[in-house]
Amino acid sequence: MPHLTAEYSSNLDHLAVRPLLHALNAALIASGQFEALDIKSRALRLDDYLVGEADSGHAFVHVRLDLLAGRSDTVKQALSTALLQVLDAQVAAPAGIALQRCVEVRDIHRASYAKSCA
C-alpha cells in the first residue's frame, strides 16, 4: 500500500512515463508515510477520452492515490500537494493544448483489503 494510478490523455505523447512514475514514487517515499517496496504505481494512456465537449485542444493527467483508511485529512492533503507539485514539474502542456493536472486521494476500506506476498 499505497496504489498510485496515473491516467493521461493520449495527446500527451511526449510524456516520459517511467521518469514520472519514479518522481511520484520518490515524493511518496519522501513523505515518510510509506516504505518504498509497498508503493505500487502504474500509468494508463487513454486513447478514448473527452474534455468537456471538445474533441481536441485539451489534455489531462489524473493521479489517483489509494490508501488504507486511517490517515488524517492533513496527511492526505500533504500527499496530494506533493504529487501535484511533481505533475506541475514533470508534465508540460504541448503547444496549443490546455492541460489539466489533478490528484485524488481515496481511502480503501481497511477491513476488506486483502494482500498476499510470495
PDB file of N, CA and C in Angstrom:
ATOM      1  N   MET A   1       0.870  -1.141   0.000  1.00  0.00           N
ATOM      2  CA  MET A   1       0.000   0.000   0.000  1.00  0.00           C
ATOM      3  C   MET A   1       0.915   1.200   0.000  1.00  0.00           C
ATOM      4  N   PRO A   2       0.753   2.191  -0.733  1.00  0.00           N
ATOM      5  CA  PRO A   2      -0.431   2.584  -1.482  1.00  0.00           C
ATOM      6  C   PRO A   2      -0.388   2.118  -2.938  1.00  0.00           C
ATOM      7  N   HIS A   3      -1.518   2.335  -3.616  1.00  0.00           N
ATOM      8  CA  HIS A   3      -1.610   2.118  -5.054  1.00  0.00           C
ATOM      9  C   HIS A   3      -1.756   3.488  -5.706  1.00  0.00           C
ATOM     10  N   LEU A   4      -0.925   3.750  -6.703  1.00  0.00           N
ATOM     11  CA  LEU A   4      -0.966   5.016  -7.425  1.00  0.00           C
ATOM     12  C   LEU A   4      -1.250   4.715  -8.889  1.00  0.00           C
ATOM     13  N   THR A   5      -2.257   5.379  -9.435  1.00  0.00           N
ATOM     14  CA  THR A   5      -2.614   5.226 -10.840  1.00  0.00           C
ATOM     15  C   THR A   5      -2.586   6.597 -11.503  1.00  0.00           C
ATOM     16  N   ALA A   6      -1.780   6.722 -12.546  1.00  0.00           N
ATOM     17  CA  ALA A   6      -1.727   7.958 -13.325  1.00  0.00           C
ATOM     18  C   ALA A   6      -2.398   7.686 -14.664  1.00  0.00           C
ATOM     19  N   GLU A   7      -3.514   8.343 -14.909  1.00  0.00           N
ATOM     20  CA  GLU A   7      -4.203   8.260 -16.198  1.00  0.00           C
ATOM     21  C   GLU A   7      -3.893   9.536 -16.965  1.00  0.00           C
ATOM     22  N   TYR A   8      -3.617   9.386 -18.263  1.00  0.00           N
ATOM     23  CA  TYR A   8      -3.297  10.578 -19.052  1.00  0.00           C
ATOM     24  C   TYR A   8      -3.855  10.445 -20.458  1.00  0.00           C
ATOM     25  N   SER A   9      -4.224  11.589 -21.013  1.00  0.00           N
ATOM     26  CA  SER A   9      -4.783  11.613 -22.363  1.00  0.00           C
ATOM     27  C   SER A   9      -3.674  11.342 -23.382  1.00  0.00           C
ATOM     28  N   SER A  10      -4.050  10.648 -24.443  1.00  0.00           N
ATOM     29  CA  SER A  10      -3.069  10.198 -25.433  1.00  0.00           C
ATOM     30  C   SER A  10      -2.402  11.336 -26.197  1.00  0.00           C
ATOM     31  N   ASN A  11      -2.963  12.530 -26.143  1.00  0.00           N
ATOM     32  CA  ASN A  11      -2.310  13.643 -26.833  1.00  0.00           C
ATOM     33  C   ASN A  11      -1.108  14.185 -26.048  1.00  0.00           C
ATOM     34  N   LEU A  12      -0.827  13.587 -24.911  1.00  0.00           N
ATOM     35  CA  LEU A  12       0.411  13.881 -24.189  1.00  0.00           C
ATOM     36  C   LEU A  12       1.470  12.864 -24.610  1.00  0.00           C
ATOM     37  N   ASP A  13       1.647  12.726 -25.916  1.00  0.00           N
ATOM     38  CA  ASP A  13       2.517  11.687 -26.451  1.00  0.00           C
ATOM     39  C   ASP A  13       3.989  11.908 -26.117  1.00  0.00           C
ATOM     40  N   HIS A  14       4.350  13.103 -25.675  1.00  0.00           N
ATOM     41  CA  HIS A  14       5.721  13.398 -25.268  1.00  0.00           C
ATOM     42  C   HIS A  14       5.983  13.008 -23.814  1.00  0.00           C
ATOM     43  N   LEU A  15       4.957  12.601 -23.089  1.00  0.00           N
ATOM     44  CA  LEU A  15       5.087  12.335 -21.661  1.00  0.00           C
ATOM     45  C   LEU A  15       6.088  11.210 -21.405  1.00  0.00           C
ATOM     46  N   ALA A  16       7.068  11.490 -20.571  1.00  0.00           N
ATOM     47  CA  ALA A  16       8.062  10.490 -20.165  1.00  0.00           C
ATOM     48  C   ALA A  16       7.486   9.742 -18.958  1.00  0.00           C
ATOM     49  N   VAL A  17       6.798   8.658 -19.225  1.00  0.00           N
ATOM     50  CA  VAL A  17       6.009   7.963 -18.206  1.00  0.00           C
ATOM     51  C   VAL A  17       6.879   7.368 -17.105  1.00  0.00           C
ATOM     52  N   ARG A  18       7.917   6.629 -17.466  1.00  0.00           N
ATOM     53  CA  ARG A  18       8.751   5.975 -16.443  1.00  0.00           C
ATOM     54  C   ARG A  18       9.379   7.006 -15.496  1.00  0.00           C
ATOM     55  N   PRO A  19       9.995   8.093 -15.999  1.00  0.00           N
ATOM     56  CA  PRO A  19      10.518   9.111 -15.081  1.00  0.00           C
ATOM     57  C   PRO A  19       9.426   9.759 -14.213  1.00  0.00           C
ATOM     58  N   LEU A  20       8.235   9.922 -14.772  1.00  0.00           N
ATOM     59  CA  LEU A  20       7.135  10.478 -13.988  1.00  0.00           C
ATOM     60  C   LEU A  20       6.791   9.546 -12.829  1.00  0.00           C
ATOM     61  N   LEU A  21       6.667   8.245 -13.101  1.00  0.00           N
ATOM     62  CA  LEU A  21       6.357   7.300 -12.025  1.00  0.00           C
ATOM     63  C   LEU A  21       7.455   7.300 -10.962  1.00  0.00           C
ATOM     64  N   HIS A  22       8.715   7.360 -11.390  1.00  0.00           N
ATOM     65  CA  HIS A  22       9.817   7.431 -10.426  1.00  0.00           C
ATOM     66  C   HIS A  22       9.698   8.672  -9.543  1.00  0.00           C
ATOM     67  N   ALA A  23       9.383   9.806 -10.142  1.00  0.00           N
ATOM     68  CA  ALA A  23       9.260  11.050  -9.385  1.00  0.00           C
ATOM     69  C   ALA A  23       8.072  11.009  -8.425  1.00  0.00           C
ATOM     70  N   LEU A  24       6.961  10.443  -8.869  1.00  0.00           N
ATOM     71  CA  LEU A  24       5.793  10.317  -7.986  1.00  0.00           C
ATOM     72  C   LEU A  24       6.108   9.393  -6.815  1.00  0.00           C
ATOM     73  N   ASN A  25       6.762   8.267  -7.096  1.00  0.00           N
ATOM     74  CA  ASN A  25       7.151   7.354  -6.017  1.00  0.00           C
ATOM     75  C   ASN A  25       8.110   8.035  -5.047  1.00  0.00           C
ATOM     76  N   ALA A  26       9.064   8.794  -5.581  1.00  0.00           N
ATOM     77  CA  ALA A  26      10.019   9.498  -4.719  1.00  0.00           C
ATOM     78  C   ALA A  26       9.307  10.466  -3.785  1.00  0.00           C
ATOM     79  N   ALA A  27       8.282  11.142  -4.286  1.00  0.00           N
ATOM     80  CA  ALA A  27       7.512  12.061  -3.435  1.00  0.00           C
ATOM     81  C   ALA A  27       6.795  11.298  -2.319  1.00  0.00           C
ATOM     82  N   LEU A  28       6.264  10.127  -2.650  1.00  0.00           N
ATOM     83  CA  LEU A  28       5.591   9.321  -1.622  1.00  0.00           C
ATOM     84  C   LEU A  28       6.582   8.830  -0.578  1.00  0.00           C
ATOM     85  N   ILE A  29       7.751   8.400  -1.020  1.00  0.00           N
ATOM     86  CA  ILE A  29       8.779   7.937  -0.080  1.00  0.00           C
ATOM     87  C   ILE A  29       9.227   9.093   0.814  1.00  0.00           C
ATOM     88  N   ALA A  30       9.436  10.272   0.218  1.00  0.00           N
ATOM     89  CA  ALA A  30       9.878  11.442   0.973  1.00  0.00           C
ATOM     90  C   ALA A  30       8.863  11.879   2.019  1.00  0.00           C
ATOM     91  N   SER A  31       7.602  11.517   1.834  1.00  0.00           N
ATOM     92  CA  SER A  31       6.574  11.895   2.806  1.00  0.00           C
ATOM     93  C   SER A  31       6.766  11.201   4.152  1.00  0.00           C
ATOM     94  N   GLY A  32       7.498  10.098   4.157  1.00  0.00           N
ATOM     95  CA  GLY A  32       7.686   9.338   5.388  1.00  0.00           C
ATOM     96  C   GLY A  32       6.504   8.457   5.761  1.00  0.00           C
ATOM     97  N   GLN A  33       5.504   8.399   4.898  1.00  0.00           N
ATOM     98  CA  GLN A  33       4.298   7.627   5.187  1.00  0.00           C
ATOM     99  C   GLN A  33       4.391   6.177   4.712  1.00  0.00           C
ATOM    100  N   PHE A  34       5.339   5.875   3.802  1.00  0.00           N
ATOM    101  CA  PHE A  34       5.345   4.571   3.148  1.00  0.00           C
ATOM    102  C   PHE A  34       6.762   4.027   3.016  1.00  0.00           C
ATOM    103  N   GLU A  35       6.865   2.709   3.028  1.00  0.00           N
ATOM    104  CA  GLU A  35       8.109   2.035   2.661  1.00  0.00           C
ATOM    105  C   GLU A  35       8.131   1.925   1.137  1.00  0.00           C
ATOM    106  N   ALA A  36       9.304   2.042   0.552  1.00  0.00           N
ATOM    107  CA  ALA A  36       9.417   2.047  -0.910  1.00  0.00           C
ATOM    108  C   ALA A  36       8.783   0.819  -1.549  1.00  0.00           C
ATOM    109  N   LEU A  37       9.016  -0.361  -1.004  1.00  0.00           N
ATOM    110  CA  LEU A  37       8.513  -1.590  -1.617  1.00  0.00           C
ATOM    111  C   LEU A  37       7.008  -1.769  -1.491  1.00  0.00           C
ATOM    112  N   ASP A  38       6.377  -0.929  -0.685  1.00  0.00           N
ATOM    113  CA  ASP A  38       4.923  -1.021  -0.537  1.00  0.00           C
ATOM    114  C   ASP A  38       4.179  -0.219  -1.606  1.00  0.00           C
ATOM    115  N   ILE A  39       4.873   0.643  -2.322  1.00  0.00           N
ATOM    116  CA  ILE A  39       4.242   1.520  -3.311  1.00  0.00           C
ATOM    117  C   ILE A  39       4.103   0.777  -4.637  1.00  0.00           C
ATOM    118  N   LYS A  40       2.884   0.714  -5.149  1.00  0.00           N
ATOM    119  CA  LYS A  40       2.605   0.123  -6.461  1.00  0.00           C
ATOM    120  C   LYS A  40       2.063   1.220  -7.371  1.00  0.00           C
ATOM    121  N   SER A  41       2.798   1.517  -8.442  1.00  0.00           N
ATOM    122  CA  SER A  41       2.412   2.593  -9.348  1.00  0.00           C
ATOM    123  C   SER A  41       2.254   2.065 -10.749  1.00  0.00           C
ATOM    124  N   ARG A  42       1.325   2.696 -11.467  1.00  0.00           N
ATOM    125  CA  ARG A  42       1.114   2.347 -12.868  1.00  0.00           C
ATOM    126  C   ARG A  42       0.578   3.554 -13.595  1.00  0.00           C
ATOM    127  N   ALA A  43       0.774   3.555 -14.918  1.00  0.00           N
ATOM    128  CA  ALA A  43       0.268   4.642 -15.759  1.00  0.00           C
ATOM    129  C   ALA A  43      -0.584   4.045 -16.859  1.00  0.00           C
ATOM    130  N   LEU A  44      -1.678   4.701 -17.136  1.00  0.00           N
ATOM    131  CA  LEU A  44      -2.610   4.261 -18.170  1.00  0.00           C
ATOM    132  C   LEU A  44      -2.816   5.378 -19.181  1.00  0.00           C
ATOM    133  N   ARG A  45      -2.454   5.104 -20.424  1.00  0.00           N
ATOM    134  CA  ARG A  45      -2.678   6.050 -21.517  1.00  0.00           C
ATOM    135  C   ARG A  45      -4.109   5.843 -22.011  1.00  0.00           C
ATOM    136  N   LEU A  46      -4.856   6.915 -22.106  1.00  0.00           N
ATOM    137  CA  LEU A  46      -6.254   6.847 -22.513  1.00  0.00           C
ATOM    138  C   LEU A  46      -6.402   7.361 -23.938  1.00  0.00           C
ATOM    139  N   ASP A  47      -6.728   6.453 -24.835  1.00  0.00           N
ATOM    140  CA  ASP A  47      -6.941   6.833 -26.229  1.00  0.00           C
ATOM    141  C   ASP A  47      -8.350   7.370 -26.459  1.00  0.00           C
ATOM    142  N   ASP A  48      -9.287   6.924 -25.676  1.00  0.00           N
ATOM    143  CA  ASP A  48     -10.678   7.370 -25.801  1.00  0.00           C
ATOM    144  C   ASP A  48     -11.019   8.228 -24.596  1.00  0.00           C
ATOM    145  N   TYR A  49     -11.138   9.527 -24.816  1.00  0.00           N
ATOM    146  CA  TYR A  49     -11.432  10.470 -23.742  1.00  0.00           C
ATOM    147  C   TYR A  49     -12.085  11.707 -24.346  1.00  0.00           C
ATOM    148  N   LEU A  50     -12.661  12.499 -23.491  1.00  0.00           N
ATOM    149  CA  LEU A  50     -13.281  13.757 -23.901  1.00  0.00           C
ATOM    150  C   LEU A  50     -13.124  14.733 -22.745  1.00  0.00           C
ATOM    151  N   VAL A  51     -12.745  15.958 -23.027  1.00  0.00           N
ATOM    152  CA  VAL A  51     -12.680  17.017 -22.025  1.00  0.00           C
ATOM    153  C   VAL A  51     -13.782  18.003 -22.372  1.00  0.00           C
ATOM    154  N   GLY A  52     -14.785  18.064 -21.526  1.00  0.00           N
ATOM    155  CA  GLY A  52     -15.947  18.896 -21.840  1.00  0.00           C
ATOM    156  C   GLY A  52     -16.620  18.370 -23.094  1.00  0.00           C
ATOM    157  N   GLU A  53     -16.831  19.231 -24.055  1.00  0.00           N
ATOM    158  CA  GLU A  53     -17.426  18.816 -25.321  1.00  0.00           C
ATOM    159  C   GLU A  53     -16.425  18.894 -26.470  1.00  0.00           C
ATOM    160  N   ALA A  54     -15.167  19.183 -26.132  1.00  0.00           N
ATOM    161  CA  ALA A  54     -14.150  19.381 -27.164  1.00  0.00           C
ATOM    162  C   ALA A  54     -13.483  18.056 -27.536  1.00  0.00           C
ATOM    163  N   ASP A  55     -13.346  17.831 -28.822  1.00  0.00           N
ATOM    164  CA  ASP A  55     -12.641  16.645 -29.301  1.00  0.00           C
ATOM    165  C   ASP A  55     -11.137  16.862 -29.388  1.00  0.00           C
ATOM    166  N   SER A  56     -10.694  18.102 -29.290  1.00  0.00           N
ATOM    167  CA  SER A  56      -9.261  18.378 -29.364  1.00  0.00           C
ATOM    168  C   SER A  56      -8.957  19.659 -28.589  1.00  0.00           C
ATOM    169  N   GLY A  57      -7.684  19.931 -28.432  1.00  0.00           N
ATOM    170  CA  GLY A  57      -7.255  21.158 -27.777  1.00  0.00           C
ATOM    171  C   GLY A  57      -7.133  21.066 -26.275  1.00  0.00           C
ATOM    172  N   HIS A  58      -7.423  19.896 -25.706  1.00  0.00           N
ATOM    173  CA  HIS A  58      -7.358  19.726 -24.254  1.00  0.00           C
ATOM    174  C   HIS A  58      -6.654  18.420 -23.926  1.00  0.00           C
ATOM    175  N   ALA A  59      -5.956  18.434 -22.793  1.00  0.00           N
ATOM    176  CA  ALA A  59      -5.267  17.239 -22.307  1.00  0.00           C
ATOM    177  C   ALA A  59      -5.397  17.194 -20.789  1.00  0.00           C
ATOM    178  N   PHE A  60      -5.150  16.018 -20.228  1.00  0.00           N
ATOM    179  CA  PHE A  60      -5.175  15.908 -18.775  1.00  0.00           C
ATOM    180  C   PHE A  60      -4.274  14.777 -18.304  1.00  0.00           C
ATOM    181  N   VAL A  61      -3.861  14.907 -17.062  1.00  0.00           N
ATOM    182  CA  VAL A  61      -3.237  13.814 -16.327  1.00  0.00           C
ATOM    183  C   VAL A  61      -3.884  13.820 -14.948  1.00  0.00           C
ATOM    184  N   HIS A  62      -4.363  12.651 -14.544  1.00  0.00           N
ATOM    185  CA  HIS A  62      -5.084  12.499 -13.285  1.00  0.00           C
ATOM    186  C   HIS A  62      -4.395  11.411 -12.482  1.00  0.00           C
ATOM    187  N   VAL A  63      -3.913  11.764 -11.303  1.00  0.00           N
ATOM    188  CA  VAL A  63      -3.269  10.794 -10.418  1.00  0.00           C
ATOM    189  C   VAL A  63      -4.231  10.466  -9.290  1.00  0.00           C
ATOM    190  N   ARG A  64      -4.461   9.167  -9.120  1.00  0.00           N
ATOM    191  CA  ARG A  64      -5.294   8.690  -8.010  1.00  0.00           C
ATOM    192  C   ARG A  64      -4.397   7.905  -7.070  1.00  0.00           C
ATOM    193  N   LEU A  65      -4.430   8.271  -5.796  1.00  0.00           N
ATOM    194  CA  LEU A  65      -3.677   7.585  -4.765  1.00  0.00           C
ATOM    195  C   LEU A  65      -4.655   6.892  -3.834  1.00  0.00           C
ATOM    196  N   ASP A  66      -4.605   5.570  -3.828  1.00  0.00           N
ATOM    197  CA  ASP A  66      -5.479   4.772  -2.968  1.00  0.00           C
ATOM    198  C   ASP A  66      -4.685   4.323  -1.750  1.00  0.00           C
ATOM    199  N   LEU A  67      -5.198   4.671  -0.567  1.00  0.00           N
ATOM    200  CA  LEU A  67      -4.539   4.379   0.707  1.00  0.00           C
ATOM    201  C   LEU A  67      -5.450   3.588   1.619  1.00  0.00           C
ATOM    202  N   LEU A  68      -4.856   2.778   2.488  1.00  0.00           N
ATOM    203  CA  LEU A  68      -5.676   2.179   3.536  1.00  0.00           C
ATOM    204  C   LEU A  68      -6.220   3.297   4.417  1.00  0.00           C
ATOM    205  N   ALA A  69      -7.475   3.216   4.761  1.00  0.00           N
ATOM    206  CA  ALA A  69      -8.143   4.242   5.561  1.00  0.00           C
ATOM    207  C   ALA A  69      -7.435   4.425   6.901  1.00  0.00           C
ATOM    208  N   GLY A  70      -7.486   5.651   7.409  1.00  0.00           N
ATOM    209  CA  GLY A  70      -6.955   5.917   8.729  1.00  0.00           C
ATOM    210  C   GLY A  70      -6.040   7.128   8.808  1.00  0.00           C
ATOM    211  N   ARG A  71      -5.563   7.615   7.684  1.00  0.00           N
ATOM    212  CA  ARG A  71      -4.699   8.792   7.722  1.00  0.00           C
ATOM    213  C   ARG A  71      -5.553  10.059   7.835  1.00  0.00           C
ATOM    214  N   SER A  72      -4.984  11.046   8.476  1.00  0.00           N
ATOM    215  CA  SER A  72      -5.715  12.298   8.705  1.00  0.00           C
ATOM    216  C   SER A  72      -5.868  13.078   7.402  1.00  0.00           C
ATOM    217  N   ASP A  73      -6.825  14.000   7.406  1.00  0.00           N
ATOM    218  CA  ASP A  73      -7.008  14.882   6.254  1.00  0.00           C
ATOM    219  C   ASP A  73      -5.746  15.706   6.000  1.00  0.00           C
ATOM    220  N   THR A  74      -5.049  16.077   7.047  1.00  0.00           N
ATOM    221  CA  THR A  74      -3.816  16.855   6.905  1.00  0.00           C
ATOM    222  C   THR A  74      -2.758  16.062   6.150  1.00  0.00           C
ATOM    223  N   VAL A  75      -2.597  14.791   6.494  1.00  0.00           N
ATOM    224  CA  VAL A  75      -1.627  13.936   5.807  1.00  0.00           C
ATOM    225  C   VAL A  75      -2.044  13.743   4.354  1.00  0.00           C
ATOM    226  N   LYS A  76      -3.315  13.477   4.117  1.00  0.00           N
ATOM    227  CA  LYS A  76      -3.789  13.269   2.742  1.00  0.00           C
ATOM    228  C   LYS A  76      -3.618  14.536   1.902  1.00  0.00           C
ATOM    229  N   GLN A  77      -3.863  15.691   2.493  1.00  0.00           N
ATOM    230  CA  GLN A  77      -3.668  16.953   1.766  1.00  0.00           C
ATOM    231  C   GLN A  77      -2.200  17.154   1.426  1.00  0.00           C
ATOM    232  N   ALA A  78      -1.311  16.827   2.353  1.00  0.00           N
ATOM    233  CA  ALA A  78       0.129  16.964   2.094  1.00  0.00           C
ATOM    234  C   ALA A  78       0.573  16.026   0.970  1.00  0.00           C
ATOM    235  N   LEU A  79       0.049  14.811   0.958  1.00  0.00           N
ATOM    236  CA  LEU A  79       0.366  13.869  -0.115  1.00  0.00           C
ATOM    237  C   LEU A  79      -0.143  14.385  -1.457  1.00  0.00           C
ATOM    238  N   SER A  80      -1.362  14.888  -1.481  1.00  0.00           N
ATOM    239  CA  SER A  80      -1.954  15.435  -2.697  1.00  0.00           C
ATOM    240  C   SER A  80      -1.127  16.602  -3.225  1.00  0.00           C
ATOM    241  N   THR A  81      -0.733  17.489  -2.343  1.00  0.00           N
ATOM    242  CA  THR A  81       0.071  18.648  -2.732  1.00  0.00           C
ATOM    243  C   THR A  81       1.423  18.216  -3.296  1.00  0.00           C
ATOM    244  N   ALA A  82       2.067  17.256  -2.641  1.00  0.00           N
ATOM    245  CA  ALA A  82       3.375  16.779  -3.104  1.00  0.00           C
ATOM    246  C   ALA A  82       3.273  16.140  -4.486  1.00  0.00           C
ATOM    247  N   LEU A  83       2.238  15.348  -4.708  1.00  0.00           N
ATOM    248  CA  LEU A  83       2.064  14.706  -6.010  1.00  0.00           C
ATOM    249  C   LEU A  83       1.736  15.729  -7.097  1.00  0.00           C
ATOM    250  N   LEU A  84       0.925  16.722  -6.769  1.00  0.00           N
ATOM    251  CA  LEU A  84       0.604  17.765  -7.746  1.00  0.00           C
ATOM    252  C   LEU A  84       1.851  18.573  -8.111  1.00  0.00           C
ATOM    253  N   GLN A  85       2.723  18.809  -7.150  1.00  0.00           N
ATOM    254  CA  GLN A  85       3.977  19.510  -7.443  1.00  0.00           C
ATOM    255  C   GLN A  85       4.814  18.721  -8.442  1.00  0.00           C
ATOM    256  N   VAL A  86       4.827  17.393  -8.304  1.00  0.00           N
ATOM    257  CA  VAL A  86       5.543  16.555  -9.266  1.00  0.00           C
ATOM    258  C   VAL A  86       4.914  16.700 -10.649  1.00  0.00           C
ATOM    259  N   LEU A  87       3.587  16.626 -10.718  1.00  0.00           N
ATOM    260  CA  LEU A  87       2.917  16.776 -12.018  1.00  0.00           C
ATOM    261  C   LEU A  87       3.236  18.126 -12.645  1.00  0.00           C
ATOM    262  N   ASP A  88       3.189  19.181 -11.849  1.00  0.00           N
ATOM    263  CA  ASP A  88       3.472  20.518 -12.369  1.00  0.00           C
ATOM    264  C   ASP A  88       4.894  20.607 -12.930  1.00  0.00           C
ATOM    265  N   ALA A  89       5.826  19.923 -12.280  1.00  0.00           N
ATOM    266  CA  ALA A  89       7.222  19.970 -12.711  1.00  0.00           C
ATOM    267  C   ALA A  89       7.511  19.049 -13.893  1.00  0.00           C
ATOM    268  N   GLN A  90       6.775  17.939 -13.993  1.00  0.00           N
ATOM    269  CA  GLN A  90       7.126  16.902 -14.962  1.00  0.00           C
ATOM    270  C   GLN A  90       6.251  16.868 -16.213  1.00  0.00           C
ATOM    271  N   VAL A  91       5.050  17.429 -16.138  1.00  0.00           N
ATOM    272  CA  VAL A  91       4.117  17.298 -17.263  1.00  0.00           C
ATOM    273  C   VAL A  91       3.824  18.678 -17.841  1.00  0.00           C
ATOM    274  N   ALA A  92       4.379  18.924 -19.016  1.00  0.00           N
ATOM    275  CA  ALA A  92       4.181  20.207 -19.692  1.00  0.00           C
ATOM    276  C   ALA A  92       3.081  20.079 -20.740  1.00  0.00           C
ATOM    277  N   ALA A  93       2.395  21.176 -20.953  1.00  0.00           N
ATOM    278  CA  ALA A  93       1.348  21.209 -21.985  1.00  0.00           C
ATOM    279  C   ALA A  93       1.986  21.320 -23.359  1.00  0.00           C
ATOM    280  N   PRO A  94       1.559  20.499 -24.301  1.00  0.00           N
ATOM    281  CA  PRO A  94       2.022  20.672 -25.683  1.00  0.00           C
ATOM    282  C   PRO A  94       1.525  22.008 -26.229  1.00  0.00           C
ATOM    283  N   ALA A  95       2.194  22.516 -27.242  1.00  0.00           N
ATOM    284  CA  ALA A  95       1.805  23.793 -27.848  1.00  0.00           C
ATOM    285  C   ALA A  95       0.344  23.737 -28.306  1.00  0.00           C
ATOM    286  N   GLY A  96      -0.411  24.759 -27.924  1.00  0.00           N
ATOM    287  CA  GLY A  96      -1.799  24.871 -28.353  1.00  0.00           C
ATOM    288  C   GLY A  96      -2.776  23.974 -27.610  1.00  0.00           C
ATOM    289  N   ILE A  97      -2.316  23.336 -26.544  1.00  0.00           N
ATOM    290  CA  ILE A  97      -3.160  22.409 -25.779  1.00  0.00           C
ATOM    291  C   ILE A  97      -3.334  22.946 -24.359  1.00  0.00           C
ATOM    292  N   ALA A  98      -4.568  22.976 -23.879  1.00  0.00           N
ATOM    293  CA  ALA A  98      -4.855  23.320 -22.489  1.00  0.00           C
ATOM    294  C   ALA A  98      -4.731  22.051 -21.657  1.00  0.00           C
ATOM    295  N   LEU A  99      -3.920  22.092 -20.615  1.00  0.00           N
ATOM    296  CA  LEU A  99      -3.616  20.909 -19.811  1.00  0.00           C
ATOM    297  C   LEU A  99      -4.172  21.053 -18.404  1.00  0.00           C
ATOM    298  N   GLN A 100      -4.872  20.028 -17.943  1.00  0.00           N
ATOM    299  CA  GLN A 100      -5.333  19.962 -16.564  1.00  0.00           C
ATOM    300  C   GLN A 100      -4.556  18.858 -15.856  1.00  0.00           C
ATOM    301  N   ARG A 101      -3.997  19.193 -14.688  1.00  0.00           N
ATOM    302  CA  ARG A 101      -3.307  18.225 -13.842  1.00  0.00           C
ATOM    303  C   ARG A 101      -4.090  18.138 -12.544  1.00  0.00           C
ATOM    304  N   CYS A 102      -4.382  16.921 -12.089  1.00  0.00           N
ATOM    305  CA  CYS A 102      -5.133  16.795 -10.843  1.00  0.00           C
ATOM    306  C   CYS A 102      -4.723  15.543 -10.081  1.00  0.00           C
ATOM    307  N   VAL A 103      -4.965  15.579  -8.776  1.00  0.00           N
ATOM    308  CA  VAL A 103      -4.640  14.480  -7.870  1.00  0.00           C
ATOM    309  C   VAL A 103      -5.854  14.213  -7.001  1.00  0.00           C
ATOM    310  N   GLU A 104      -6.130  12.942  -6.800  1.00  0.00           N
ATOM    311  CA  GLU A 104      -7.237  12.498  -5.942  1.00  0.00           C
ATOM    312  C   GLU A 104      -6.680  11.476  -4.957  1.00  0.00           C
ATOM    313  N   VAL A 105      -6.989  11.639  -3.686  1.00  0.00           N
ATOM    314  CA  VAL A 105      -6.579  10.682  -2.657  1.00  0.00           C
ATOM    315  C   VAL A 105      -7.836  10.011  -2.132  1.00  0.00           C
ATOM    316  N   ARG A 106      -7.828   8.670  -2.165  1.00  0.00           N
ATOM    317  CA  ARG A 106      -9.004   7.912  -1.729  1.00  0.00           C
ATOM    318  C   ARG A 106      -8.619   6.888  -0.670  1.00  0.00           C
ATOM    319  N   ASP A 107      -9.564   6.640   0.217  1.00  0.00           N
ATOM    320  CA  ASP A 107      -9.387   5.619   1.246  1.00  0.00           C
ATOM    321  C   ASP A 107      -9.872   4.266   0.756  1.00  0.00           C
ATOM    322  N   ILE A 108      -9.119   3.240   1.089  1.00  0.00           N
ATOM    323  CA  ILE A 108      -9.525   1.856   0.862  1.00  0.00           C
ATOM    324  C   ILE A 108     -10.013   1.314   2.202  1.00  0.00           C
ATOM    325  N   HIS A 109     -11.132   0.638   2.167  1.00  0.00           N
ATOM    326  CA  HIS A 109     -11.700   0.053   3.370  1.00  0.00           C
ATOM    327  C   HIS A 109     -10.706  -0.954   3.954  1.00  0.00           C
ATOM    328  N   ARG A 110     -10.162  -0.646   5.117  1.00  0.00           N
ATOM    329  CA  ARG A 110      -9.099  -1.446   5.721  1.00  0.00           C
ATOM    330  C   ARG A 110      -9.535  -2.886   6.006  1.00  0.00           C
ATOM    331  N   ALA A 111     -10.740  -3.081   6.505  1.00  0.00           N
ATOM    332  CA  ALA A 111     -11.180  -4.408   6.912  1.00  0.00           C
ATOM    333  C   ALA A 111     -11.358  -5.364   5.741  1.00  0.00           C
ATOM    334  N   SER A 112     -11.612  -4.836   4.553  1.00  0.00           N
ATOM    335  CA  SER A 112     -11.856  -5.714   3.411  1.00  0.00           C
ATOM    336  C   SER A 112     -10.655  -5.817   2.457  1.00  0.00           C
ATOM    337  N   TYR A 113      -9.582  -5.090   2.723  1.00  0.00           N
ATOM    338  CA  TYR A 113      -8.410  -5.155   1.846  1.00  0.00           C
ATOM    339  C   TYR A 113      -7.639  -6.440   2.127  1.00  0.00           C
ATOM    340  N   ALA A 114      -7.271  -7.152   1.100  1.00  0.00           N
ATOM    341  CA  ALA A 114      -6.510  -8.398   1.242  1.00  0.00           C
ATOM    342  C   ALA A 114      -5.262  -8.314   0.383  1.00  0.00           C
ATOM    343  N   LYS A 115      -4.177  -8.941   0.862  1.00  0.00           N
ATOM    344  CA  LYS A 115      -2.902  -8.899   0.150  1.00  0.00           C
ATOM    345  C   LYS A 115      -2.167 -10.208   0.420  1.00  0.00           C
ATOM    346  N   SER A 116      -1.498 -10.697  -0.607  1.00  0.00           N
ATOM    347  CA  SER A 116      -0.694 -11.899  -0.467  1.00  0.00           C
ATOM    348  C   SER A 116       0.659 -11.637  -1.114  1.00  0.00           C
ATOM    349  N   CYS A 117       1.713 -12.011  -0.462  1.00  0.00           N
ATOM    350  CA  CYS A 117       3.071 -11.838  -0.985  1.00  0.00           C
ATOM    351  C   CYS A 117       3.757 -13.186  -1.041  1.00  0.00           C
ATOM    352  N   ALA A 118       4.486 -13.410  -2.118  1.00  0.00           N
ATOM    353  CA  ALA A 118       5.215 -14.671  -2.244  1.00  0.00           C
ATOM    354  C   ALA A 118       6.704 -14.411  -2.221  1.00  0.00           C
TER     355      ALA A 118
END
